[in-house]
Amino acid sequence: MKHLFLGLALGLSFALGGCGGTQEVTPPPPPLRPEPEPVAEKPKSTQQDCEPTEGSQELKPISFDERSIPEGSKLAEQAKAKLRTADSAEVERSMREQYVTEAVDDFITALRADPYNVTATYGLAAAYARIGRSQCTINLLVRLLQMRPHPSKRPEVEAHLDKLLGRKQSLDPDFADMRRDERFRALIAKMCEGTNDPNCVYGAAQR
């Protein structure tokens, strides 16, 4: 028993000696921190132009009950108002771009509600022309021509073509940049075929 107590005492003295003030205390390791995740570069927002469409393709027939004609008309007029606001001299450039973007969205929604809405078709073509989406503009003007033979649409189509072609009024300024595009000029020539109208403007004066 005496030897047991002696062994415990020696063990305790060694243990206490190890905790004495003369021994340097090793500092704890720094906490592990995760490496910061690399910040992914945001892709540059680039507006893609449309793929060309065949002008010979007929419009897909849509039954009357599949269309929401009042909603399409309301949205088309709402979009036209936003384009007019964007043209106001009091509107700042950033707000002008916002109004044009909102007008594009409204025109697209209008055409989803009523794909035969002439105002939305022409208005969206004009809005795309303003932001440089040339092929989208061409596609929509082709669609306008596809609606031209329909008796119920022809008067409205011709009224919009009057503005586009400068018949009995000044040329639509929204398409000023487009008049340098050969595709646009070829389409204008097609619109003027058989009209025998000396006021049908091909855009040759604007280079």
Protein backbone atom coordinates (compact mmCIF):
# COMPACT_ATOMS: atom_id res chain seq x y z
CA MET A 1 0.00 0.00 0.00
CA LYS A 2 2.88 2.33 0.88
CA HIS A 3 4.43 1.73 -2.53
CA LEU A 4 1.07 2.48 -4.19
CA PHE A 5 0.75 5.89 -2.51
CA LEU A 6 4.34 6.70 -3.41
CA GLY A 7 3.69 5.89 -7.07
CA LEU A 8 0.56 8.07 -7.14
CA ALA A 9 2.46 10.95 -5.52
CA LEU A 10 5.26 10.74 -8.05
CA GLY A 11 2.78 10.59 -10.92
CA LEU A 12 0.96 13.64 -9.59
CA SER A 13 4.19 15.58 -9.14
CA PHE A 14 5.21 14.84 -12.73
CA ALA A 15 1.76 15.93 -13.93
CA LEU A 16 1.89 19.18 -11.98
CA GLY A 17 5.45 19.76 -13.11
CA GLY A 18 4.33 19.54 -16.70
CA CYS A 19 1.86 22.41 -16.09
CA GLY A 20 4.47 24.62 -14.40
CA GLY A 21 4.98 28.25 -15.39
CA THR A 22 8.40 27.60 -16.88
CA GLN A 23 7.03 25.66 -19.89
CA GLU A 24 5.84 27.64 -22.93
CA VAL A 25 2.20 27.13 -23.81
CA THR A 26 1.69 26.30 -27.47
CA PRO A 27 -0.91 28.67 -28.94
CA PRO A 28 -4.00 27.04 -30.43
CA PRO A 29 -4.08 26.77 -34.23
CA PRO A 30 -6.01 29.46 -36.07
CA PRO A 31 -9.59 28.58 -36.88
CA LEU A 32 -10.12 27.09 -40.28
CA ARG A 33 -11.83 29.53 -42.63
CA PRO A 34 -13.20 28.43 -45.99
CA GLU A 35 -11.59 29.92 -49.04
CA PRO A 36 -13.74 32.66 -50.56
CA GLU A 37 -15.67 31.38 -53.56
CA PRO A 38 -14.59 32.96 -56.83
CA VAL A 39 -17.04 35.54 -58.04
CA ALA A 40 -18.46 34.37 -61.33
CA GLU A 41 -18.47 37.01 -64.01
CA LYS A 42 -21.94 37.98 -65.07
CA PRO A 43 -22.50 37.25 -68.72
CA LYS A 44 -22.87 40.37 -70.77
CA SER A 45 -26.47 40.96 -71.67
CA THR A 46 -26.64 40.76 -75.42
CA GLN A 47 -29.91 40.89 -77.24
CA GLN A 48 -30.06 38.13 -79.79
CA ASP A 49 -31.59 38.92 -83.14
CA CYS A 50 -34.28 36.68 -84.61
CA GLU A 51 -33.81 33.87 -87.08
CA PRO A 52 -35.09 34.64 -90.59
CA THR A 53 -38.56 33.35 -91.39
CA GLU A 54 -39.90 32.21 -94.71
CA GLY A 55 -42.14 34.85 -96.20
CA SER A 56 -43.99 32.22 -98.19
CA GLN A 57 -45.25 30.49 -95.04
CA GLU A 58 -48.92 31.04 -94.35
CA LEU A 59 -50.09 32.23 -90.97
CA LYS A 60 -51.29 29.41 -88.77
CA PRO A 61 -55.08 29.56 -88.51
CA ILE A 62 -56.31 30.35 -85.01
CA SER A 63 -59.95 30.01 -84.06
CA PHE A 64 -61.80 33.03 -82.75
CA ASP A 65 -62.24 31.57 -79.26
CA GLU A 66 -58.47 31.01 -78.95
CA ARG A 67 -57.82 34.73 -79.28
CA SER A 68 -58.25 37.45 -76.69
CA ILE A 69 -58.92 40.35 -79.02
CA PRO A 70 -59.85 43.02 -76.42
CA GLU A 71 -56.81 42.20 -74.29
CA GLY A 72 -54.52 42.32 -77.33
CA SER A 73 -55.89 45.71 -78.38
CA LYS A 74 -55.55 47.12 -74.87
CA LEU A 75 -51.93 46.00 -74.54
CA ALA A 76 -51.04 47.27 -78.02
CA GLU A 77 -52.39 50.75 -77.23
CA GLN A 78 -50.61 50.69 -73.86
CA ALA A 79 -47.33 49.86 -75.61
CA LYS A 80 -47.84 52.64 -78.18
CA ALA A 81 -48.29 55.12 -75.34
CA LYS A 82 -44.99 54.00 -73.80
CA LEU A 83 -43.17 54.50 -77.09
CA ARG A 84 -44.61 58.01 -77.32
CA THR A 85 -43.45 58.70 -73.76
CA ALA A 86 -39.96 57.46 -74.67
CA ASP A 87 -39.86 60.10 -77.43
CA SER A 88 -40.60 62.91 -75.00
CA ALA A 89 -37.77 65.42 -74.62
CA GLU A 90 -38.29 65.54 -70.85
CA VAL A 91 -37.50 61.84 -70.41
CA GLU A 92 -33.94 60.90 -69.40
CA ARG A 93 -32.03 58.39 -71.51
CA SER A 94 -32.19 55.59 -68.92
CA MET A 95 -35.93 56.03 -68.56
CA ARG A 96 -36.32 56.21 -72.33
CA GLU A 97 -34.69 52.78 -72.68
CA GLN A 98 -36.92 51.44 -69.93
CA TYR A 99 -40.08 52.67 -71.68
CA VAL A 100 -38.98 51.06 -74.96
CA THR A 101 -38.25 47.77 -73.16
CA GLU A 102 -41.64 47.82 -71.48
CA ALA A 103 -43.30 48.62 -74.80
CA VAL A 104 -41.61 45.59 -76.40
CA ASP A 105 -42.88 43.36 -73.57
CA ASP A 106 -46.42 44.72 -73.95
CA PHE A 107 -46.41 44.24 -77.73
CA ILE A 108 -45.21 40.64 -77.34
CA THR A 109 -47.93 39.93 -74.77
CA ALA A 110 -50.51 41.55 -77.06
CA LEU A 111 -49.50 39.23 -79.91
CA ARG A 112 -49.73 36.22 -77.62
CA ALA A 113 -53.28 37.29 -76.82
CA ASP A 114 -54.12 38.00 -80.47
CA PRO A 115 -51.52 37.01 -83.09
CA TYR A 116 -53.53 38.91 -85.73
CA ASN A 117 -53.28 42.27 -84.00
CA VAL A 118 -51.98 44.60 -86.72
CA THR A 119 -51.11 47.46 -84.37
CA ALA A 120 -49.00 45.20 -82.15
CA THR A 121 -47.28 43.64 -85.18
CA TYR A 122 -46.28 46.99 -86.64
CA GLY A 123 -45.49 48.51 -83.23
CA LEU A 124 -43.20 45.66 -82.25
CA ALA A 125 -41.42 45.93 -85.62
CA ALA A 126 -40.85 49.63 -84.97
CA ALA A 127 -39.62 49.03 -81.41
CA TYR A 128 -37.19 46.36 -82.59
CA ALA A 129 -35.93 48.71 -85.30
CA ARG A 130 -35.14 51.30 -82.63
CA ILE A 131 -32.98 48.89 -80.63
CA GLY A 132 -31.15 47.40 -83.59
CA ARG A 133 -32.83 43.99 -83.88
CA SER A 134 -33.04 44.14 -87.64
CA GLN A 135 -34.07 40.57 -88.46
CA CYS A 136 -36.85 40.68 -85.85
CA THR A 137 -38.12 43.82 -87.58
CA ILE A 138 -38.00 42.16 -91.00
CA ASN A 139 -39.87 39.09 -89.71
CA LEU A 140 -42.68 41.20 -88.28
CA LEU A 141 -43.04 43.27 -91.45
CA VAL A 142 -43.22 40.02 -93.44
CA ARG A 143 -46.00 38.95 -91.10
CA LEU A 144 -47.74 42.25 -91.74
CA LEU A 145 -47.66 41.50 -95.47
CA GLN A 146 -49.10 38.06 -94.80
CA MET A 147 -52.12 39.69 -93.18
CA ARG A 148 -52.54 42.16 -96.02
CA PRO A 149 -54.72 39.94 -98.29
CA HIS A 150 -57.30 39.25 -95.56
CA PRO A 151 -60.31 41.53 -96.16
CA SER A 152 -60.85 42.16 -92.45
CA LYS A 153 -57.22 43.23 -91.96
CA ARG A 154 -56.35 44.96 -95.21
CA PRO A 155 -57.54 48.52 -94.36
CA GLU A 156 -55.62 48.52 -91.06
CA VAL A 157 -52.51 47.01 -92.68
CA GLU A 158 -52.58 49.61 -95.46
CA ALA A 159 -52.90 52.41 -92.89
CA HIS A 160 -49.72 51.24 -91.17
CA LEU A 161 -47.93 50.76 -94.50
CA ASP A 162 -48.81 54.35 -95.37
CA LYS A 163 -46.76 55.42 -92.36
CA LEU A 164 -43.91 53.02 -93.13
CA LEU A 165 -43.72 53.96 -96.82
CA GLY A 166 -44.32 57.67 -96.37
CA ARG A 167 -47.50 57.67 -98.43
CA LYS A 168 -49.31 60.99 -97.95
CA GLN A 169 -47.24 61.63 -94.81
CA SER A 170 -43.66 61.72 -93.57
CA LEU A 171 -41.67 58.53 -93.18
CA ASP A 172 -41.85 56.75 -89.86
CA PRO A 173 -38.63 57.83 -88.05
CA ASP A 174 -38.51 54.57 -86.07
CA PHE A 175 -37.25 52.81 -89.21
CA ALA A 176 -34.62 55.42 -90.16
CA ASP A 177 -31.66 53.11 -89.48
CA MET A 178 -33.37 50.18 -91.17
CA ARG A 179 -33.53 52.04 -94.50
CA ARG A 180 -29.84 51.30 -95.03
CA ASP A 181 -30.48 47.56 -94.74
CA GLU A 182 -30.73 45.79 -98.11
CA ARG A 183 -33.22 43.26 -96.71
CA PHE A 184 -35.47 46.08 -95.59
CA ARG A 185 -35.18 47.88 -98.92
CA ALA A 186 -36.07 44.69 -100.80
CA LEU A 187 -39.12 44.29 -98.59
CA ILE A 188 -40.16 47.89 -99.20
CA ALA A 189 -39.90 47.28 -102.96
CA LYS A 190 -42.17 44.26 -102.56
CA MET A 191 -44.70 46.35 -100.65
CA CYS A 192 -44.76 48.88 -103.47
CA GLU A 193 -45.30 46.33 -106.25
CA GLY A 194 -48.43 47.00 -108.25
CA THR A 195 -49.39 50.13 -106.32
CA ASN A 196 -48.52 52.59 -109.12
CA ASP A 197 -48.16 55.12 -106.32
CA PRO A 198 -45.48 57.77 -106.98
CA ASN A 199 -45.38 58.49 -103.25
CA CYS A 200 -44.35 54.96 -102.36
CA VAL A 201 -40.94 55.53 -100.81
CA TYR A 202 -38.16 52.99 -101.21
CA GLY A 203 -35.85 54.75 -98.78
CA ALA A 204 -33.23 55.53 -101.41
CA ALA A 205 -33.04 59.14 -100.29
CA GLN A 206 -31.69 58.16 -96.86
CA ARG A 207 -28.18 56.73 -97.08
